[in-house]
């Protein structure tokens, strides 16, 4: 079990999602990085951590 979700895990999950969906993994990683940057700009602390976890689950479960 993953103890803490962080940016690198989100990007990895985006790449894995792209592989499963026959999409471009580089583009998926770039999109994930853009989303992470947007979250960093507007959230801090626990809110940011929760948003990163949600983003990770979206990629991991789709």
PDB file of N, CA and C in Angstrom:
ATOM      1  N   UNK A   1       0.841  -1.190   0.000  1.00  0.00           N
ATOM      2  CA  UNK A   1       0.000   0.000   0.000  1.00  0.00           C
ATOM      3  C   UNK A   1       0.878   1.242   0.000  1.00  0.00           C
ATOM      4  N   UNK A   2       0.479   2.217  -0.754  1.00  0.00           N
ATOM      5  CA  UNK A   2       1.213   3.472  -0.844  1.00  0.00           C
ATOM      6  C   UNK A   2       0.871   4.321   0.372  1.00  0.00           C
ATOM      7  N   UNK A   3       1.903   4.797   1.056  1.00  0.00           N
ATOM      8  CA  UNK A   3       1.673   5.605   2.245  1.00  0.00           C
ATOM      9  C   UNK A   3       1.248   7.022   1.902  1.00  0.00           C
ATOM     10  N   UNK A   4       1.908   7.630   0.931  1.00  0.00           N
ATOM     11  CA  UNK A   4       1.598   9.008   0.574  1.00  0.00           C
ATOM     12  C   UNK A   4       1.672   9.149  -0.939  1.00  0.00           C
ATOM     13  N   UNK A   5       0.645   9.717  -1.513  1.00  0.00           N
ATOM     14  CA  UNK A   5       0.625   9.973  -2.947  1.00  0.00           C
ATOM     15  C   UNK A   5       1.389  11.271  -3.183  1.00  0.00           C
ATOM     16  N   UNK A   6       2.282  11.238  -4.154  1.00  0.00           N
ATOM     17  CA  UNK A   6       3.022  12.451  -4.494  1.00  0.00           C
ATOM     18  C   UNK A   6       3.010  12.625  -6.012  1.00  0.00           C
ATOM     19  N   UNK A   7       3.568  13.730  -6.456  1.00  0.00           N
ATOM     20  CA  UNK A   7       3.481  14.105  -7.864  1.00  0.00           C
ATOM     21  C   UNK A   7       4.012  13.027  -8.807  1.00  0.00           C
ATOM     22  N   UNK A   8       5.135  12.425  -8.451  1.00  0.00           N
ATOM     23  CA  UNK A   8       5.711  11.400  -9.327  1.00  0.00           C
ATOM     24  C   UNK A   8       4.774  10.209  -9.515  1.00  0.00           C
ATOM     25  N   UNK A   9       4.063   9.845  -8.469  1.00  0.00           N
ATOM     26  CA  UNK A   9       3.111   8.731  -8.581  1.00  0.00           C
ATOM     27  C   UNK A   9       1.937   9.096  -9.480  1.00  0.00           C
ATOM     28  N   UNK A  10       1.516  10.346  -9.434  1.00  0.00           N
ATOM     29  CA  UNK A  10       0.422  10.786 -10.311  1.00  0.00           C
ATOM     30  C   UNK A  10       0.870  10.707 -11.762  1.00  0.00           C
ATOM     31  N   UNK A  11       2.073  11.160 -12.042  1.00  0.00           N
ATOM     32  CA  UNK A  11       2.586  11.117 -13.410  1.00  0.00           C
ATOM     33  C   UNK A  11       2.743   9.676 -13.871  1.00  0.00           C
ATOM     34  N   UNK A  12       3.227   8.820 -13.002  1.00  0.00           N
ATOM     35  CA  UNK A  12       3.339   7.395 -13.339  1.00  0.00           C
ATOM     36  C   UNK A  12       1.961   6.804 -13.625  1.00  0.00           C
ATOM     37  N   UNK A  13       0.972   7.132 -12.810  1.00  0.00           N
ATOM     38  CA  UNK A  13      -0.386   6.633 -13.023  1.00  0.00           C
ATOM     39  C   UNK A  13      -0.946   7.145 -14.346  1.00  0.00           C
ATOM     40  N   UNK A  14      -0.634   8.386 -14.706  1.00  0.00           N
ATOM     41  CA  UNK A  14      -1.092   8.940 -15.986  1.00  0.00           C
ATOM     42  C   UNK A  14      -0.471   8.168 -17.148  1.00  0.00           C
ATOM     43  N   UNK A  15       0.807   7.844 -17.040  1.00  0.00           N
ATOM     44  CA  UNK A  15       1.469   7.077 -18.095  1.00  0.00           C
ATOM     45  C   UNK A  15       0.867   5.668 -18.207  1.00  0.00           C
ATOM     46  N   UNK A  16       0.596   5.061 -17.064  1.00  0.00           N
ATOM     47  CA  UNK A  16      -0.005   3.725 -17.080  1.00  0.00           C
ATOM     48  C   UNK A  16      -1.409   3.764 -17.661  1.00  0.00           C
ATOM     49  N   UNK A  17      -2.182   4.809 -17.317  1.00  0.00           N
ATOM     50  CA  UNK A  17      -3.506   4.974 -17.893  1.00  0.00           C
ATOM     51  C   UNK A  17      -3.405   5.078 -19.414  1.00  0.00           C
ATOM     52  N   UNK A  18      -2.440   5.879 -19.885  1.00  0.00           N
ATOM     53  CA  UNK A  18      -2.271   6.067 -21.321  1.00  0.00           C
ATOM     54  C   UNK A  18      -1.952   4.740 -22.007  1.00  0.00           C
ATOM     55  N   UNK A  19      -1.135   3.925 -21.385  1.00  0.00           N
ATOM     56  CA  UNK A  19      -0.804   2.621 -21.961  1.00  0.00           C
ATOM     57  C   UNK A  19      -2.045   1.744 -22.058  1.00  0.00           C
ATOM     58  N   UNK A  20      -2.871   1.760 -20.999  1.00  0.00           N
ATOM     59  CA  UNK A  20      -4.102   0.950 -21.012  1.00  0.00           C
ATOM     60  C   UNK A  20      -5.099   1.458 -22.049  1.00  0.00           C
ATOM     61  N   UNK A  21      -5.111   2.778 -22.256  1.00  0.00           N
ATOM     62  CA  UNK A  21      -6.100   3.393 -23.147  1.00  0.00           C
ATOM     63  C   UNK A  21      -5.568   3.609 -24.563  1.00  0.00           C
ATOM     64  N   UNK A  22      -4.369   3.093 -24.844  1.00  0.00           N
ATOM     65  CA  UNK A  22      -3.735   3.286 -26.154  1.00  0.00           C
ATOM     66  C   UNK A  22      -3.622   4.762 -26.517  1.00  0.00           C
ATOM     67  N   UNK A  23      -3.204   5.567 -25.546  1.00  0.00           N
ATOM     68  CA  UNK A  23      -2.990   7.003 -25.731  1.00  0.00           C
ATOM     69  C   UNK A  23      -1.497   7.289 -25.640  1.00  0.00           C
ATOM     70  N   UNK A  24      -1.116   8.483 -25.985  1.00  0.00           N
ATOM     71  CA  UNK A  24       0.277   8.917 -25.920  1.00  0.00           C
ATOM     72  C   UNK A  24       0.668   9.140 -24.461  1.00  0.00           C
ATOM     73  N   UNK A  25       1.645   8.369 -23.976  1.00  0.00           N
ATOM     74  CA  UNK A  25       2.020   8.472 -22.571  1.00  0.00           C
ATOM     75  C   UNK A  25       2.738   9.774 -22.249  1.00  0.00           C
ATOM     76  N   UNK A  26       3.464  10.327 -23.211  1.00  0.00           N
ATOM     77  CA  UNK A  26       4.153  11.600 -22.981  1.00  0.00           C
ATOM     78  C   UNK A  26       3.121  12.725 -22.821  1.00  0.00           C
ATOM     79  N   UNK A  27       2.117  12.717 -23.657  1.00  0.00           N
ATOM     80  CA  UNK A  27       1.064  13.726 -23.563  1.00  0.00           C
ATOM     81  C   UNK A  27       0.288  13.572 -22.258  1.00  0.00           C
ATOM     82  N   UNK A  28       0.027  12.347 -21.866  1.00  0.00           N
ATOM     83  CA  UNK A  28      -0.697  12.111 -20.608  1.00  0.00           C
ATOM     84  C   UNK A  28       0.118  12.610 -19.420  1.00  0.00           C
ATOM     85  N   UNK A  29       1.423  12.363 -19.432  1.00  0.00           N
ATOM     86  CA  UNK A  29       2.280  12.840 -18.350  1.00  0.00           C
ATOM     87  C   UNK A  29       2.323  14.361 -18.331  1.00  0.00           C
ATOM     88  N   UNK A  30       2.384  14.975 -19.498  1.00  0.00           N
ATOM     89  CA  UNK A  30       2.394  16.434 -19.578  1.00  0.00           C
ATOM     90  C   UNK A  30       1.083  17.023 -19.049  1.00  0.00           C
ATOM     91  N   UNK A  31      -0.030  16.393 -19.407  1.00  0.00           N
ATOM     92  CA  UNK A  31      -1.326  16.863 -18.906  1.00  0.00           C
ATOM     93  C   UNK A  31      -1.405  16.723 -17.394  1.00  0.00           C
ATOM     94  N   UNK A  32      -0.907  15.613 -16.872  1.00  0.00           N
ATOM     95  CA  UNK A  32      -0.908  15.413 -15.425  1.00  0.00           C
ATOM     96  C   UNK A  32      -0.055  16.473 -14.742  1.00  0.00           C
ATOM     97  N   UNK A  33       1.083  16.785 -15.326  1.00  0.00           N
ATOM     98  CA  UNK A  33       1.953  17.809 -14.762  1.00  0.00           C
ATOM     99  C   UNK A  33       1.279  19.176 -14.778  1.00  0.00           C
ATOM    100  N   UNK A  34       0.558  19.471 -15.852  1.00  0.00           N
ATOM    101  CA  UNK A  34      -0.205  20.727 -15.917  1.00  0.00           C
ATOM    102  C   UNK A  34      -1.264  20.785 -14.820  1.00  0.00           C
ATOM    103  N   UNK A  35      -1.961  19.672 -14.620  1.00  0.00           N
ATOM    104  CA  UNK A  35      -2.983  19.621 -13.572  1.00  0.00           C
ATOM    105  C   UNK A  35      -2.356  19.794 -12.185  1.00  0.00           C
ATOM    106  N   UNK A  36      -1.226  19.157 -11.971  1.00  0.00           N
ATOM    107  CA  UNK A  36      -0.520  19.276 -10.697  1.00  0.00           C
ATOM    108  C   UNK A  36      -0.111  20.730 -10.466  1.00  0.00           C
ATOM    109  N   UNK A  37       0.413  21.375 -11.490  1.00  0.00           N
ATOM    110  CA  UNK A  37       0.825  22.774 -11.372  1.00  0.00           C
ATOM    111  C   UNK A  37      -0.358  23.668 -11.025  1.00  0.00           C
ATOM    112  N   UNK A  38      -1.497  23.409 -11.638  1.00  0.00           N
ATOM    113  CA  UNK A  38      -2.690  24.204 -11.345  1.00  0.00           C
ATOM    114  C   UNK A  38      -3.135  23.992  -9.900  1.00  0.00           C
ATOM    115  N   UNK A  39      -3.061  22.749  -9.429  1.00  0.00           N
ATOM    116  CA  UNK A  39      -3.433  22.474  -8.037  1.00  0.00           C
ATOM    117  C   UNK A  39      -2.482  23.166  -7.070  1.00  0.00           C
ATOM    118  N   UNK A  40      -1.193  23.146  -7.389  1.00  0.00           N
ATOM    119  CA  UNK A  40      -0.196  23.799  -6.531  1.00  0.00           C
ATOM    120  C   UNK A  40      -0.445  25.294  -6.441  1.00  0.00           C
ATOM    121  N   UNK A  41      -0.923  25.886  -7.536  1.00  0.00           N
ATOM    122  CA  UNK A  41      -1.145  27.322  -7.579  1.00  0.00           C
ATOM    123  C   UNK A  41      -2.323  27.764  -6.725  1.00  0.00           C
ATOM    124  N   UNK A  42      -3.296  26.860  -6.530  1.00  0.00           N
ATOM    125  CA  UNK A  42      -4.493  27.295  -5.814  1.00  0.00           C
ATOM    126  C   UNK A  42      -4.732  26.600  -4.480  1.00  0.00           C
ATOM    127  N   UNK A  43      -4.004  25.530  -4.179  1.00  0.00           N
ATOM    128  CA  UNK A  43      -4.240  24.791  -2.942  1.00  0.00           C
ATOM    129  C   UNK A  43      -2.952  24.653  -2.138  1.00  0.00           C
ATOM    130  N   UNK A  44      -3.122  24.467  -0.838  1.00  0.00           N
ATOM    131  CA  UNK A  44      -1.970  24.226   0.031  1.00  0.00           C
ATOM    132  C   UNK A  44      -2.323  23.150   1.051  1.00  0.00           C
ATOM    133  N   UNK A  45      -1.294  22.617   1.664  1.00  0.00           N
ATOM    134  CA  UNK A  45      -1.467  21.697   2.777  1.00  0.00           C
ATOM    135  C   UNK A  45      -2.338  20.501   2.473  1.00  0.00           C
ATOM    136  N   UNK A  46      -3.259  20.244   3.398  1.00  0.00           N
ATOM    137  CA  UNK A  46      -4.138  19.077   3.284  1.00  0.00           C
ATOM    138  C   UNK A  46      -5.013  19.116   2.033  1.00  0.00           C
ATOM    139  N   UNK A  47      -5.467  20.312   1.643  1.00  0.00           N
ATOM    140  CA  UNK A  47      -6.301  20.418   0.444  1.00  0.00           C
ATOM    141  C   UNK A  47      -5.522  19.950  -0.791  1.00  0.00           C
ATOM    142  N   UNK A  48      -4.273  20.353  -0.874  1.00  0.00           N
ATOM    143  CA  UNK A  48      -3.427  19.933  -1.993  1.00  0.00           C
ATOM    144  C   UNK A  48      -3.215  18.418  -1.965  1.00  0.00           C
ATOM    145  N   UNK A  49      -2.893  17.885  -0.800  1.00  0.00           N
ATOM    146  CA  UNK A  49      -2.679  16.444  -0.670  1.00  0.00           C
ATOM    147  C   UNK A  49      -3.912  15.659  -1.089  1.00  0.00           C
ATOM    148  N   UNK A  50      -5.093  16.120  -0.674  1.00  0.00           N
ATOM    149  CA  UNK A  50      -6.330  15.439  -1.038  1.00  0.00           C
ATOM    150  C   UNK A  50      -6.588  15.521  -2.539  1.00  0.00           C
ATOM    151  N   UNK A  51      -6.303  16.672  -3.126  1.00  0.00           N
ATOM    152  CA  UNK A  51      -6.513  16.835  -4.565  1.00  0.00           C
ATOM    153  C   UNK A  51      -5.563  15.948  -5.358  1.00  0.00           C
ATOM    154  N   UNK A  52      -4.324  15.835  -4.914  1.00  0.00           N
ATOM    155  CA  UNK A  52      -3.349  14.964  -5.585  1.00  0.00           C
ATOM    156  C   UNK A  52      -3.806  13.505  -5.488  1.00  0.00           C
ATOM    157  N   UNK A  53      -4.308  13.119  -4.332  1.00  0.00           N
ATOM    158  CA  UNK A  53      -4.812  11.748  -4.163  1.00  0.00           C
ATOM    159  C   UNK A  53      -5.988  11.476  -5.087  1.00  0.00           C
ATOM    160  N   UNK A  54      -6.904  12.439  -5.210  1.00  0.00           N
ATOM    161  CA  UNK A  54      -8.047  12.280  -6.118  1.00  0.00           C
ATOM    162  C   UNK A  54      -7.573  12.140  -7.561  1.00  0.00           C
ATOM    163  N   UNK A  55      -6.628  12.971  -7.958  1.00  0.00           N
ATOM    164  CA  UNK A  55      -6.107  12.914  -9.310  1.00  0.00           C
ATOM    165  C   UNK A  55      -5.444  11.559  -9.577  1.00  0.00           C
ATOM    166  N   UNK A  56      -4.686  11.083  -8.615  1.00  0.00           N
ATOM    167  CA  UNK A  56      -4.052   9.778  -8.747  1.00  0.00           C
ATOM    168  C   UNK A  56      -5.110   8.686  -8.933  1.00  0.00           C
ATOM    169  N   UNK A  57      -6.162   8.709  -8.111  1.00  0.00           N
ATOM    170  CA  UNK A  57      -7.213   7.695  -8.213  1.00  0.00           C
ATOM    171  C   UNK A  57      -7.930   7.762  -9.551  1.00  0.00           C
ATOM    172  N   UNK A  58      -8.118   8.977 -10.080  1.00  0.00           N
ATOM    173  CA  UNK A  58      -8.770   9.111 -11.390  1.00  0.00           C
ATOM    174  C   UNK A  58      -7.980   8.372 -12.461  1.00  0.00           C
ATOM    175  N   UNK A  59      -6.676   8.553 -12.473  1.00  0.00           N
ATOM    176  CA  UNK A  59      -5.846   7.854 -13.460  1.00  0.00           C
ATOM    177  C   UNK A  59      -5.786   6.364 -13.156  1.00  0.00           C
ATOM    178  N   UNK A  60      -5.638   6.015 -11.908  1.00  0.00           N
ATOM    179  CA  UNK A  60      -5.462   4.630 -11.529  1.00  0.00           C
ATOM    180  C   UNK A  60      -6.718   3.789 -11.759  1.00  0.00           C
ATOM    181  N   UNK A  61      -7.879   4.386 -11.589  1.00  0.00           N
ATOM    182  CA  UNK A  61      -9.129   3.631 -11.669  1.00  0.00           C
ATOM    183  C   UNK A  61      -9.808   3.724 -13.041  1.00  0.00           C
ATOM    184  N   UNK A  62      -9.260   4.536 -13.939  1.00  0.00           N
ATOM    185  CA  UNK A  62      -9.916   4.636 -15.255  1.00  0.00           C
ATOM    186  C   UNK A  62      -9.192   3.849 -16.310  1.00  0.00           C
TER     187      UNK A  62
END
